[in-house]
């Protein structure tokens, strides 16, 4: 993960947001802007997102910063993942719409 953050810091197409309180990291959001060859649009996509459960309000501020940055990069859309029904409901209240679902099976 450390190398991924360094790569995003050095890239004009990446945004690493790191929330720190004192000397403690309490949030991380990694976003990448890329060209979608199927739609011919520039898309901003979440690569990783973690927020300390006791600091959830920071996550919404990070999302708003990512939206602003993505617009400035020319992205027409921002895609984020919803790990739970509660997060899905939050995104829908913010104007996001489901695109597809991912399924996972331990092998």
N, C-alpha and C. Protein backbone atom coordinates (compact mmCIF):
# COMPACT_ATOMS: atom_id res chain seq x y z
N UNK A 1 0.83 -1.19 0.00
CA UNK A 1 0.00 0.00 0.00
C UNK A 1 0.87 1.26 0.00
N UNK A 2 1.99 1.21 0.73
CA UNK A 2 2.88 2.36 0.81
C UNK A 2 3.36 2.77 -0.58
N UNK A 3 3.75 1.82 -1.42
CA UNK A 3 4.22 2.12 -2.76
C UNK A 3 3.10 2.72 -3.60
N UNK A 4 1.87 2.23 -3.43
CA UNK A 4 0.73 2.77 -4.18
C UNK A 4 0.51 4.24 -3.83
N UNK A 5 0.64 4.58 -2.56
CA UNK A 5 0.48 5.98 -2.15
C UNK A 5 1.59 6.84 -2.76
N UNK A 6 2.82 6.36 -2.75
CA UNK A 6 3.91 7.11 -3.35
C UNK A 6 3.70 7.33 -4.84
N UNK A 7 3.22 6.31 -5.53
CA UNK A 7 2.95 6.42 -6.96
C UNK A 7 1.87 7.48 -7.22
N UNK A 8 0.82 7.48 -6.40
CA UNK A 8 -0.24 8.48 -6.59
C UNK A 8 0.25 9.89 -6.29
N UNK A 9 1.11 10.04 -5.30
CA UNK A 9 1.65 11.36 -4.97
C UNK A 9 2.43 11.91 -6.16
N UNK A 10 3.16 11.05 -6.84
CA UNK A 10 4.00 11.49 -7.96
C UNK A 10 3.22 11.62 -9.26
N UNK A 11 2.03 11.07 -9.35
CA UNK A 11 1.25 11.07 -10.58
C UNK A 11 0.27 12.25 -10.61
N UNK A 12 0.12 12.85 -11.77
CA UNK A 12 -0.88 13.90 -11.93
C UNK A 12 -2.29 13.31 -12.00
N UNK A 13 -2.40 12.02 -12.25
CA UNK A 13 -3.71 11.37 -12.36
C UNK A 13 -4.18 10.74 -11.06
N UNK A 14 -3.39 10.87 -10.00
CA UNK A 14 -3.75 10.26 -8.74
C UNK A 14 -3.89 11.27 -7.63
N UNK A 15 -4.77 10.96 -6.69
CA UNK A 15 -4.97 11.80 -5.51
C UNK A 15 -4.91 10.95 -4.26
N UNK A 16 -3.90 11.14 -3.43
CA UNK A 16 -3.88 10.48 -2.13
C UNK A 16 -4.32 11.48 -1.06
N UNK A 17 -5.41 11.19 -0.39
CA UNK A 17 -5.86 12.01 0.73
C UNK A 17 -5.59 11.23 2.02
N UNK A 18 -4.86 11.84 2.92
CA UNK A 18 -4.52 11.18 4.18
C UNK A 18 -4.95 12.11 5.31
N UNK A 19 -5.86 11.64 6.16
CA UNK A 19 -6.34 12.42 7.30
C UNK A 19 -5.53 12.03 8.53
N UNK A 20 -4.98 13.04 9.18
CA UNK A 20 -4.13 12.81 10.34
C UNK A 20 -4.64 13.65 11.50
N UNK A 21 -4.72 13.03 12.68
CA UNK A 21 -5.02 13.77 13.90
C UNK A 21 -3.85 13.54 14.84
N UNK A 22 -3.15 14.62 15.16
CA UNK A 22 -1.92 14.48 15.94
C UNK A 22 -0.90 13.74 15.10
N UNK A 23 -0.47 12.60 15.57
CA UNK A 23 0.46 11.77 14.82
C UNK A 23 -0.19 10.48 14.32
N UNK A 24 -1.52 10.43 14.36
CA UNK A 24 -2.25 9.21 14.01
C UNK A 24 -3.00 9.38 12.70
N UNK A 25 -2.80 8.44 11.78
CA UNK A 25 -3.58 8.43 10.54
C UNK A 25 -4.98 7.92 10.88
N UNK A 26 -6.00 8.73 10.56
CA UNK A 26 -7.39 8.34 10.86
C UNK A 26 -8.22 8.15 9.59
N UNK A 27 -7.61 8.40 8.42
CA UNK A 27 -8.33 8.20 7.18
C UNK A 27 -7.41 8.22 5.98
N UNK A 28 -7.81 7.47 4.95
CA UNK A 28 -7.03 7.39 3.71
C UNK A 28 -8.00 7.20 2.56
N UNK A 29 -7.86 8.00 1.52
CA UNK A 29 -8.66 7.85 0.30
C UNK A 29 -7.72 8.00 -0.88
N UNK A 30 -7.65 6.97 -1.72
CA UNK A 30 -6.83 6.99 -2.92
C UNK A 30 -7.74 7.00 -4.14
N UNK A 31 -7.56 7.98 -5.01
CA UNK A 31 -8.41 8.15 -6.19
C UNK A 31 -7.52 8.25 -7.42
N UNK A 32 -7.97 7.65 -8.51
CA UNK A 32 -7.24 7.68 -9.77
C UNK A 32 -8.18 8.13 -10.88
N UNK A 33 -7.72 9.04 -11.73
CA UNK A 33 -8.48 9.47 -12.90
C UNK A 33 -7.95 8.71 -14.10
N UNK A 34 -8.87 8.14 -14.89
CA UNK A 34 -8.47 7.35 -16.06
C UNK A 34 -9.49 7.53 -17.18
N UNK A 35 -9.05 7.23 -18.40
CA UNK A 35 -9.92 7.33 -19.57
C UNK A 35 -10.62 6.01 -19.78
N UNK A 36 -11.94 6.04 -19.83
CA UNK A 36 -12.74 4.85 -20.09
C UNK A 36 -12.92 4.72 -21.60
N UNK A 37 -12.32 3.69 -22.17
CA UNK A 37 -12.34 3.53 -23.63
C UNK A 37 -13.71 3.11 -24.15
N UNK A 38 -14.56 2.57 -23.30
CA UNK A 38 -15.90 2.18 -23.74
C UNK A 38 -16.84 3.37 -23.84
N UNK A 39 -16.74 4.31 -22.89
CA UNK A 39 -17.64 5.46 -22.88
C UNK A 39 -16.99 6.73 -23.40
N UNK A 40 -15.66 6.71 -23.57
CA UNK A 40 -14.88 7.87 -23.99
C UNK A 40 -14.94 8.99 -22.95
N UNK A 41 -15.18 8.65 -21.69
CA UNK A 41 -15.22 9.63 -20.61
C UNK A 41 -13.99 9.49 -19.73
N UNK A 42 -13.68 10.57 -19.02
CA UNK A 42 -12.68 10.52 -17.97
C UNK A 42 -13.42 10.21 -16.68
N UNK A 43 -12.95 9.18 -15.98
CA UNK A 43 -13.60 8.69 -14.77
C UNK A 43 -12.61 8.82 -13.61
N UNK A 44 -13.11 9.22 -12.46
CA UNK A 44 -12.32 9.16 -11.23
C UNK A 44 -12.82 7.96 -10.45
N UNK A 45 -11.92 7.11 -10.02
CA UNK A 45 -12.32 5.91 -9.32
C UNK A 45 -11.58 5.74 -8.00
N UNK A 46 -12.31 5.33 -6.99
CA UNK A 46 -11.71 5.03 -5.69
C UNK A 46 -10.87 3.77 -5.81
N UNK A 47 -9.63 3.84 -5.35
CA UNK A 47 -8.77 2.67 -5.30
C UNK A 47 -8.78 2.04 -3.92
N UNK A 48 -8.81 2.88 -2.91
CA UNK A 48 -8.84 2.41 -1.52
C UNK A 48 -9.42 3.52 -0.66
N UNK A 49 -10.16 3.11 0.36
CA UNK A 49 -10.74 4.11 1.26
C UNK A 49 -10.90 3.47 2.62
N UNK A 50 -10.32 4.09 3.62
CA UNK A 50 -10.44 3.61 4.99
C UNK A 50 -10.55 4.81 5.90
N UNK A 51 -11.46 4.72 6.87
CA UNK A 51 -11.60 5.76 7.89
C UNK A 51 -11.76 5.06 9.23
N UNK A 52 -11.06 5.56 10.24
CA UNK A 52 -11.21 5.04 11.59
C UNK A 52 -12.69 5.11 11.97
N UNK A 53 -13.27 4.02 12.47
CA UNK A 53 -14.70 4.02 12.80
C UNK A 53 -15.13 5.14 13.74
N UNK A 54 -14.24 5.63 14.57
CA UNK A 54 -14.58 6.72 15.49
C UNK A 54 -14.48 8.09 14.83
N UNK A 55 -14.10 8.14 13.56
CA UNK A 55 -13.89 9.42 12.86
C UNK A 55 -14.66 9.46 11.53
N UNK A 56 -15.81 8.84 11.46
CA UNK A 56 -16.54 8.71 10.20
C UNK A 56 -16.85 10.04 9.51
N UNK A 57 -17.03 11.13 10.22
CA UNK A 57 -17.30 12.42 9.59
C UNK A 57 -16.18 12.87 8.66
N UNK A 58 -14.98 12.42 8.95
CA UNK A 58 -13.83 12.76 8.10
C UNK A 58 -14.01 12.18 6.70
N UNK A 59 -14.64 11.03 6.60
CA UNK A 59 -14.84 10.38 5.31
C UNK A 59 -15.64 11.23 4.34
N UNK A 60 -16.69 11.87 4.82
CA UNK A 60 -17.51 12.71 3.94
C UNK A 60 -16.71 13.92 3.46
N UNK A 61 -15.91 14.50 4.33
CA UNK A 61 -15.06 15.62 3.91
C UNK A 61 -14.05 15.17 2.86
N UNK A 62 -13.50 13.97 3.05
CA UNK A 62 -12.55 13.44 2.07
C UNK A 62 -13.25 13.22 0.72
N UNK A 63 -14.48 12.70 0.75
CA UNK A 63 -15.23 12.48 -0.48
C UNK A 63 -15.44 13.80 -1.22
N UNK A 64 -15.84 14.84 -0.51
CA UNK A 64 -16.07 16.15 -1.15
C UNK A 64 -14.78 16.69 -1.77
N UNK A 65 -13.66 16.52 -1.08
CA UNK A 65 -12.37 16.95 -1.65
C UNK A 65 -12.05 16.16 -2.92
N UNK A 66 -12.32 14.87 -2.89
CA UNK A 66 -12.06 14.03 -4.06
C UNK A 66 -12.96 14.44 -5.23
N UNK A 67 -14.23 14.77 -4.96
CA UNK A 67 -15.13 15.21 -6.03
C UNK A 67 -14.62 16.50 -6.67
N UNK A 68 -14.21 17.45 -5.85
CA UNK A 68 -13.69 18.72 -6.37
C UNK A 68 -12.45 18.49 -7.22
N UNK A 69 -11.52 17.69 -6.70
CA UNK A 69 -10.29 17.41 -7.43
C UNK A 69 -10.60 16.71 -8.76
N UNK A 70 -11.52 15.73 -8.73
CA UNK A 70 -11.86 14.98 -9.94
C UNK A 70 -12.43 15.91 -11.02
N UNK A 71 -13.30 16.83 -10.61
CA UNK A 71 -13.84 17.81 -11.58
C UNK A 71 -12.70 18.63 -12.19
N UNK A 72 -11.78 19.06 -11.35
CA UNK A 72 -10.65 19.86 -11.83
C UNK A 72 -9.77 19.09 -12.81
N UNK A 73 -9.75 17.77 -12.70
CA UNK A 73 -8.97 16.92 -13.60
C UNK A 73 -9.73 16.61 -14.89
N UNK A 74 -10.98 17.04 -14.99
CA UNK A 74 -11.78 16.79 -16.18
C UNK A 74 -12.62 15.52 -16.12
N UNK A 75 -12.71 14.90 -14.96
CA UNK A 75 -13.52 13.68 -14.82
C UNK A 75 -15.00 14.04 -14.88
N UNK A 76 -15.76 13.23 -15.61
CA UNK A 76 -17.20 13.43 -15.68
C UNK A 76 -17.94 12.67 -14.58
N UNK A 77 -17.30 11.64 -14.01
CA UNK A 77 -17.94 10.83 -12.97
C UNK A 77 -16.92 10.42 -11.93
N UNK A 78 -17.42 10.15 -10.72
CA UNK A 78 -16.61 9.57 -9.66
C UNK A 78 -17.26 8.27 -9.24
N UNK A 79 -16.51 7.20 -9.26
CA UNK A 79 -17.03 5.88 -8.87
C UNK A 79 -16.42 5.48 -7.54
N UNK A 80 -17.29 5.08 -6.60
CA UNK A 80 -16.86 4.66 -5.27
C UNK A 80 -17.49 3.31 -4.96
N UNK A 81 -16.89 2.59 -4.03
CA UNK A 81 -17.39 1.27 -3.63
C UNK A 81 -18.17 1.38 -2.33
N UNK A 82 -19.20 0.57 -2.19
CA UNK A 82 -20.01 0.56 -0.97
C UNK A 82 -19.86 -0.80 -0.29
N UNK A 83 -19.15 -0.86 0.81
CA UNK A 83 -18.92 -2.14 1.47
C UNK A 83 -20.09 -2.63 2.33
N UNK A 84 -21.13 -1.81 2.47
CA UNK A 84 -22.25 -2.21 3.31
C UNK A 84 -23.52 -1.49 2.87
N UNK A 85 -24.69 -2.01 3.25
CA UNK A 85 -25.96 -1.33 2.92
C UNK A 85 -26.02 0.09 3.49
N UNK A 86 -25.41 0.31 4.66
CA UNK A 86 -25.42 1.66 5.24
C UNK A 86 -24.67 2.65 4.36
N UNK A 87 -23.55 2.21 3.81
CA UNK A 87 -22.77 3.08 2.92
C UNK A 87 -23.52 3.29 1.62
N UNK A 88 -24.19 2.25 1.12
CA UNK A 88 -25.02 2.40 -0.09
C UNK A 88 -26.07 3.49 0.12
N UNK A 89 -26.74 3.46 1.25
CA UNK A 89 -27.78 4.47 1.53
C UNK A 89 -27.18 5.87 1.62
N UNK A 90 -26.00 5.99 2.21
CA UNK A 90 -25.34 7.30 2.27
C UNK A 90 -25.05 7.81 0.87
N UNK A 91 -24.45 6.97 0.04
CA UNK A 91 -24.13 7.39 -1.33
C UNK A 91 -25.39 7.81 -2.08
N UNK A 92 -26.47 7.06 -1.93
CA UNK A 92 -27.71 7.40 -2.63
C UNK A 92 -28.24 8.75 -2.15
N UNK A 93 -28.13 9.04 -0.85
CA UNK A 93 -28.56 10.35 -0.34
C UNK A 93 -27.71 11.48 -0.93
N UNK A 94 -26.45 11.17 -1.27
CA UNK A 94 -25.55 12.16 -1.84
C UNK A 94 -25.68 12.28 -3.36
N UNK A 95 -26.57 11.50 -3.96
CA UNK A 95 -26.80 11.58 -5.40
C UNK A 95 -26.11 10.53 -6.23
N UNK A 96 -25.39 9.61 -5.60
CA UNK A 96 -24.75 8.52 -6.32
C UNK A 96 -25.79 7.45 -6.63
N UNK A 97 -25.60 6.73 -7.74
CA UNK A 97 -26.51 5.66 -8.13
C UNK A 97 -25.72 4.38 -8.31
N UNK A 98 -26.33 3.23 -7.96
CA UNK A 98 -25.60 1.97 -8.12
C UNK A 98 -25.32 1.68 -9.59
N UNK A 99 -24.15 1.14 -9.85
CA UNK A 99 -23.74 0.80 -11.20
C UNK A 99 -23.76 -0.71 -11.39
N UNK A 100 -23.13 -1.43 -10.49
CA UNK A 100 -23.13 -2.88 -10.51
C UNK A 100 -22.67 -3.37 -9.14
N UNK A 101 -22.84 -4.63 -8.87
CA UNK A 101 -22.41 -5.21 -7.60
C UNK A 101 -21.27 -6.18 -7.84
N UNK A 102 -20.39 -6.27 -6.88
CA UNK A 102 -19.28 -7.21 -6.94
C UNK A 102 -19.53 -8.32 -5.93
N UNK A 103 -19.25 -9.54 -6.31
CA UNK A 103 -19.40 -10.68 -5.42
C UNK A 103 -18.03 -11.31 -5.19
N UNK A 104 -17.88 -11.91 -4.04
CA UNK A 104 -16.59 -12.49 -3.66
C UNK A 104 -16.84 -13.85 -3.03
N UNK A 105 -15.95 -14.79 -3.32
CA UNK A 105 -16.02 -16.12 -2.72
C UNK A 105 -14.61 -16.55 -2.35
N UNK A 106 -14.44 -16.92 -1.11
CA UNK A 106 -13.13 -17.39 -0.66
C UNK A 106 -12.86 -18.75 -1.30
N UNK A 107 -11.68 -18.92 -1.87
CA UNK A 107 -11.32 -20.18 -2.53
C UNK A 107 -10.41 -21.03 -1.67
